[in-house]
Amino acid sequence: MPELPDVEGFRRILAEHATGRRIQAVTVEDPGVLRDTNPPALDGATRGRMFAHPDRRGKWLMAPLRTPGQRHRSRDPTVIFHFGMTGGLVWTGRIHDEPRHRDDRVVFCFAEGELRYRDLRKLHGIRLVQADDALAPLLSRLGPDAWTVTAEDFDQALAGLRRQLKPALMDQAVLAGLGNLLVDEILWRARLQPRRSTSDLTGADRHRLYRQMRNVLRQSIDRGRVPGYARWLTGWRDDEDAPCPRCGTPLRRSRVGGRTTVWCPHCQPE
């Protein structure tokens, strides 16, 4: 499932390959991934325009549009991507050598190549807003971005909550961008039990949690995904009866907040 590091990687793909190039056309192979727009509207808003510098908030990717020779203006449209569980962006500069994948749902066509929105399950998709002020209602449901949040705002986001720790961290209204893999990795590194109540955290616990979140995100963003290193919990979570990579204790797994959760009973005691 794409999480913050994956979406940051997609943002880099868009910025490095598609930004500043004139969009010649948009091919919608599957309208089922369009939300609050339709193929003619998407093509009409983008054809002849260029993507300006893209931005990310949590798992949402915003690609503002601009007229060639001008900057993005507040009244210009923006294309918004959400990748659900299986989505992603793929750039190909060799169109004839790389036929479209069966899961390429929307393709932005340029003279130099194609930016392809690829998605198997189509749980989210692509939105179009006609001006910047339409972004606010969409993003207002999100908490602070997990990568850019300060330690003080992180403390404030958790303050007053009385919830299990893992579901609280995965709640996009509390903190935007963390998913199942990231939260399990962060909690394992911080030696905090996923079912622990947020109200029981000490100041030292929250400081350690924030520091480990920063460490995990920094390394994951560098890779464009949550890496499965052997020294990481993520590298072992899919193996039955796998040992903790830190202490060797057999890992445990169950469902916490409706999600499959992996932790070490020695390093993360009840």
Protein backbone atom coordinates (compact mmCIF):
# COMPACT_ATOMS: atom_id res chain seq x y z
CA MET A 1 0.00 0.00 0.00
CA PRO A 2 1.46 3.41 -0.89
CA GLU A 3 2.37 5.38 2.22
CA LEU A 4 4.03 8.75 2.65
CA PRO A 5 7.46 7.66 1.27
CA ASP A 6 5.85 6.11 -1.81
CA VAL A 7 3.79 9.23 -2.51
CA GLU A 8 6.89 11.38 -2.04
CA GLY A 9 8.55 9.16 -4.65
CA PHE A 10 5.61 9.70 -7.01
CA ARG A 11 5.92 13.44 -6.39
CA ARG A 12 9.56 13.28 -7.46
CA ILE A 13 8.63 11.37 -10.63
CA LEU A 14 6.08 14.03 -11.53
CA ALA A 15 8.46 16.89 -10.67
CA GLU A 16 11.47 15.48 -12.51
CA HIS A 17 9.76 14.23 -15.66
CA ALA A 18 6.40 15.92 -16.23
CA THR A 19 6.67 19.37 -14.68
CA GLY A 20 7.19 22.18 -17.19
CA ARG A 21 6.18 20.11 -20.22
CA ARG A 22 3.09 20.91 -22.24
CA ILE A 23 0.31 18.34 -21.86
CA GLN A 24 -0.83 17.34 -25.32
CA ALA A 25 -3.77 15.19 -24.25
CA VAL A 26 -5.14 13.02 -21.46
CA THR A 27 -6.26 9.48 -22.24
CA VAL A 28 -8.70 8.04 -19.73
CA GLU A 29 -8.58 4.28 -20.12
CA ASP A 30 -10.86 3.69 -17.13
CA PRO A 31 -13.21 6.46 -15.89
CA GLY A 32 -13.72 4.40 -12.73
CA VAL A 33 -10.69 6.09 -11.14
CA LEU A 34 -12.03 9.62 -11.66
CA ARG A 35 -13.61 11.29 -8.63
CA ASP A 36 -15.75 14.42 -8.97
CA THR A 37 -14.74 14.86 -12.61
CA ASN A 38 -15.09 13.14 -15.98
CA PRO A 39 -12.85 12.50 -19.01
CA PRO A 40 -13.85 15.61 -21.03
CA ALA A 41 -13.45 17.89 -18.01
CA LEU A 42 -10.04 16.46 -17.14
CA ASP A 43 -8.82 16.71 -20.71
CA GLY A 44 -10.20 20.23 -21.11
CA ALA A 45 -8.53 21.45 -17.91
CA THR A 46 -5.14 19.97 -18.71
CA ARG A 47 -4.67 20.01 -22.50
CA GLY A 48 -2.21 22.73 -23.48
CA ARG A 49 -1.28 23.46 -19.87
CA MET A 50 1.76 22.38 -17.85
CA PHE A 51 2.17 20.94 -14.38
CA ALA A 52 3.65 23.43 -11.93
CA HIS A 53 5.68 22.30 -8.91
CA PRO A 54 3.77 19.45 -7.22
CA ASP A 55 3.08 19.31 -3.49
CA ARG A 56 2.20 16.50 -1.09
CA ARG A 57 0.13 16.34 2.10
CA GLY A 58 0.20 12.94 3.75
CA LYS A 59 -0.82 10.44 1.08
CA TRP A 60 -2.33 13.11 -1.22
CA LEU A 61 -0.40 14.52 -4.17
CA MET A 62 -1.38 17.89 -5.62
CA ALA A 63 -0.27 18.79 -9.15
CA PRO A 64 -1.15 22.45 -9.91
CA LEU A 65 -1.59 23.42 -13.54
CA ARG A 66 -0.33 26.55 -15.25
CA THR A 67 -0.50 28.19 -18.63
CA PRO A 68 2.83 28.09 -20.52
CA GLY A 69 4.83 31.23 -19.80
CA GLN A 70 2.93 31.92 -16.55
CA ARG A 71 3.04 30.75 -12.96
CA HIS A 72 0.22 28.79 -11.38
CA ARG A 73 -2.47 31.24 -10.30
CA SER A 74 -5.01 30.72 -7.55
CA ARG A 75 -7.79 30.46 -10.14
CA ASP A 76 -5.96 27.75 -12.13
CA PRO A 77 -6.99 24.08 -11.81
CA THR A 78 -5.13 21.42 -9.83
CA VAL A 79 -5.03 17.67 -10.43
CA ILE A 80 -5.11 15.67 -7.20
CA PHE A 81 -3.88 12.09 -6.93
CA HIS A 82 -4.66 9.57 -4.20
CA PHE A 83 -3.17 6.14 -4.68
CA GLY A 84 -5.33 3.98 -2.42
CA MET A 85 -3.83 0.54 -1.85
CA THR A 86 -2.33 -0.19 -5.26
CA GLY A 87 -1.90 3.08 -7.17
CA GLY A 88 1.23 4.73 -8.49
CA LEU A 89 2.73 7.04 -11.11
CA VAL A 90 4.99 5.72 -13.86
CA TRP A 91 6.92 7.81 -16.38
CA THR A 92 7.94 6.39 -19.72
CA GLY A 93 9.97 8.34 -22.22
CA ARG A 94 10.02 5.46 -24.69
CA ILE A 95 6.37 5.15 -25.58
CA HIS A 96 6.74 2.69 -28.43
CA ASP A 97 9.10 0.46 -26.43
CA GLU A 98 6.88 0.33 -23.35
CA PRO A 99 3.29 -0.61 -24.18
CA ARG A 100 0.71 0.49 -21.68
CA HIS A 101 0.04 -1.79 -18.75
CA ARG A 102 -3.44 -3.20 -18.33
CA ASP A 103 -3.75 -1.23 -15.07
CA ASP A 104 -2.79 2.13 -16.60
CA ARG A 105 -6.05 3.97 -15.94
CA VAL A 106 -5.21 7.57 -16.89
CA VAL A 107 -2.34 8.68 -19.13
CA PHE A 108 -1.05 12.25 -19.43
CA CYS A 109 0.56 12.54 -22.86
CA PHE A 110 3.55 14.77 -23.63
CA ALA A 111 5.75 15.12 -26.69
CA GLU A 112 8.58 13.59 -24.67
CA GLY A 113 6.70 10.70 -23.04
CA GLU A 114 3.76 9.69 -20.86
CA LEU A 115 2.90 10.01 -17.19
CA ARG A 116 0.74 7.00 -16.34
CA TYR A 117 -1.55 6.61 -13.34
CA ARG A 118 -1.47 2.87 -12.70
CA ASP A 119 -3.85 1.23 -10.23
CA LEU A 120 -5.06 -2.33 -9.82
CA ARG A 121 -7.88 -1.99 -7.31
CA LYS A 122 -9.12 1.56 -8.05
CA LEU A 123 -10.02 2.37 -4.43
CA HIS A 124 -9.23 6.07 -4.79
CA GLY A 125 -8.06 7.89 -7.91
CA ILE A 126 -7.80 11.32 -9.53
CA ARG A 127 -9.69 14.48 -8.68
CA LEU A 128 -9.78 17.86 -10.38
CA VAL A 129 -10.41 21.15 -8.60
CA GLN A 130 -10.93 24.30 -10.62
CA ALA A 131 -9.21 26.74 -8.22
CA ASP A 132 -7.03 26.72 -5.12
CA ASP A 133 -9.85 27.62 -2.74
CA ALA A 134 -11.49 24.27 -3.55
CA LEU A 135 -8.48 22.47 -2.07
CA ALA A 136 -9.14 23.63 1.47
CA PRO A 137 -12.28 21.53 2.14
CA LEU A 138 -10.50 18.43 0.82
CA LEU A 139 -7.33 18.87 2.87
CA SER A 140 -9.08 20.14 5.99
CA ARG A 141 -9.83 16.55 6.97
CA LEU A 142 -6.12 15.81 7.29
CA GLY A 143 -3.91 16.25 10.32
CA PRO A 144 -0.37 17.64 10.06
CA ASP A 145 1.94 15.91 7.62
CA ALA A 146 3.99 13.23 9.38
CA TRP A 147 7.23 14.28 7.64
CA THR A 148 7.02 18.03 8.23
CA VAL A 149 5.24 18.09 11.62
CA THR A 150 7.26 19.66 14.41
CA ALA A 151 7.82 17.91 17.74
CA GLU A 152 5.50 20.44 19.40
CA ASP A 153 2.69 19.89 16.88
CA PHE A 154 3.21 16.12 17.13
CA ASP A 155 2.69 16.35 20.90
CA GLN A 156 -0.40 18.48 20.34
CA ALA A 157 -1.82 15.99 17.83
CA LEU A 158 -1.66 13.22 20.42
CA ALA A 159 -2.66 15.36 23.39
CA GLY A 160 -6.04 14.56 24.87
CA LEU A 161 -6.52 11.37 22.85
CA ARG A 162 -7.63 8.23 24.65
CA ARG A 163 -7.11 5.64 21.96
CA GLN A 164 -4.90 2.69 21.20
CA LEU A 165 -1.60 3.98 19.92
CA LYS A 166 -1.48 2.27 16.54
CA PRO A 167 -4.98 3.29 15.36
CA ALA A 168 -4.29 6.85 16.54
CA LEU A 169 -1.09 7.10 14.47
CA MET A 170 -2.83 5.64 11.41
CA ASP A 171 -5.75 8.06 11.64
CA GLN A 172 -5.14 10.56 8.83
CA ALA A 173 -7.10 13.18 10.76
CA VAL A 174 -4.54 12.91 13.58
CA LEU A 175 -1.38 12.62 11.48
CA ALA A 176 -1.31 12.45 7.68
CA GLY A 177 0.81 9.95 5.80
CA LEU A 178 1.46 6.99 8.09
CA GLY A 179 0.21 3.53 7.08
CA ASN A 180 0.43 0.01 8.39
CA LEU A 181 4.07 -0.72 7.57
CA LEU A 182 5.37 2.60 8.83
CA VAL A 183 3.48 2.51 12.11
CA ASP A 184 4.58 -1.03 12.97
CA GLU A 185 8.19 -0.12 12.18
CA ILE A 186 8.08 3.10 14.19
CA LEU A 187 6.46 1.49 17.24
CA TRP A 188 8.96 -1.37 17.17
CA ARG A 189 11.88 1.06 17.07
CA ALA A 190 10.34 3.17 19.85
CA ARG A 191 9.69 -0.01 21.93
CA LEU A 192 6.02 0.88 22.35
CA GLN A 193 3.20 -1.66 22.36
CA PRO A 194 0.66 -1.04 19.55
CA ARG A 195 -2.32 -1.46 21.93
CA ARG A 196 -0.97 0.96 24.51
CA SER A 197 -3.22 3.92 25.19
CA THR A 198 -2.09 7.32 23.97
CA SER A 199 -3.14 8.74 27.33
CA ASP A 200 -0.50 6.58 29.07
CA LEU A 201 2.42 7.98 27.09
CA THR A 202 4.98 9.97 29.01
CA GLY A 203 6.80 12.96 27.63
CA ALA A 204 9.85 10.73 27.12
CA ASP A 205 7.69 8.20 25.22
CA ARG A 206 6.37 10.86 22.86
CA HIS A 207 9.85 12.27 22.29
CA ARG A 208 11.20 8.81 21.47
CA LEU A 209 8.23 8.10 19.23
CA TYR A 210 8.71 11.35 17.31
CA ARG A 211 12.46 10.78 16.93
CA GLN A 212 11.98 7.26 15.59
CA MET A 213 9.23 8.41 13.23
CA ARG A 214 11.65 10.96 11.79
CA ASN A 215 14.38 8.32 11.39
CA VAL A 216 12.10 5.81 9.67
CA LEU A 217 10.58 8.43 7.36
CA ARG A 218 13.95 9.88 6.39
CA GLN A 219 15.35 6.52 5.33
CA SER A 220 12.10 5.46 3.65
CA ILE A 221 11.77 8.70 1.69
CA ASP A 222 15.30 8.24 0.41
CA ARG A 223 14.21 4.85 -1.01
CA GLY A 224 10.76 5.95 -2.18
CA ARG A 225 9.16 3.18 -0.11
CA VAL A 226 9.36 1.44 3.28
CA PRO A 227 12.46 -0.73 2.75
CA GLY A 228 12.55 -4.36 3.82
CA TYR A 229 16.03 -4.28 5.34
CA ALA A 230 17.05 -7.32 7.38
CA ARG A 231 17.68 -5.06 10.37
CA TRP A 232 14.16 -3.63 10.13
CA LEU A 233 10.96 -5.19 11.41
CA THR A 234 9.56 -4.67 7.92
CA GLY A 235 12.11 -7.11 6.54
CA TRP A 236 10.62 -9.92 8.62
CA ARG A 237 6.93 -9.12 8.98
CA ASP A 238 5.78 -11.39 6.15
CA ASP A 239 7.64 -14.46 7.44
CA GLU A 240 5.72 -16.81 9.74
CA ASP A 241 7.52 -17.46 13.05
CA ALA A 242 10.14 -14.83 12.19
CA PRO A 243 12.49 -13.65 14.96
CA CYS A 244 12.76 -10.07 16.14
CA PRO A 245 15.75 -8.63 14.25
CA ARG A 246 16.83 -6.86 17.46
CA CYS A 247 16.52 -9.53 20.19
CA GLY A 248 15.62 -12.79 18.44
CA THR A 249 12.31 -13.29 20.24
CA PRO A 250 9.61 -14.76 17.95
CA LEU A 251 7.45 -11.96 16.57
CA ARG A 252 3.74 -11.89 17.23
CA ARG A 253 0.95 -10.83 14.92
CA SER A 254 -2.72 -10.05 15.40
CA ARG A 255 -5.23 -7.41 14.37
CA VAL A 256 -5.10 -4.02 16.06
CA GLY A 257 -7.56 -1.40 14.92
CA GLY A 258 -8.65 -3.76 12.15
CA ARG A 259 -5.16 -4.02 10.65
CA THR A 260 -2.64 -6.86 10.70
CA THR A 261 -0.03 -5.86 13.26
CA VAL A 262 3.42 -7.29 13.95
CA TRP A 263 5.40 -6.61 17.12
CA CYS A 264 7.99 -8.09 19.47
CA PRO A 265 6.60 -9.17 22.87
CA HIS A 266 10.03 -8.68 24.48
CA CYS A 267 10.90 -5.28 23.02
CA GLN A 268 7.29 -4.01 23.14
CA PRO A 269 5.78 -5.51 26.33
CA GLU A 270 2.16 -5.00 27.36
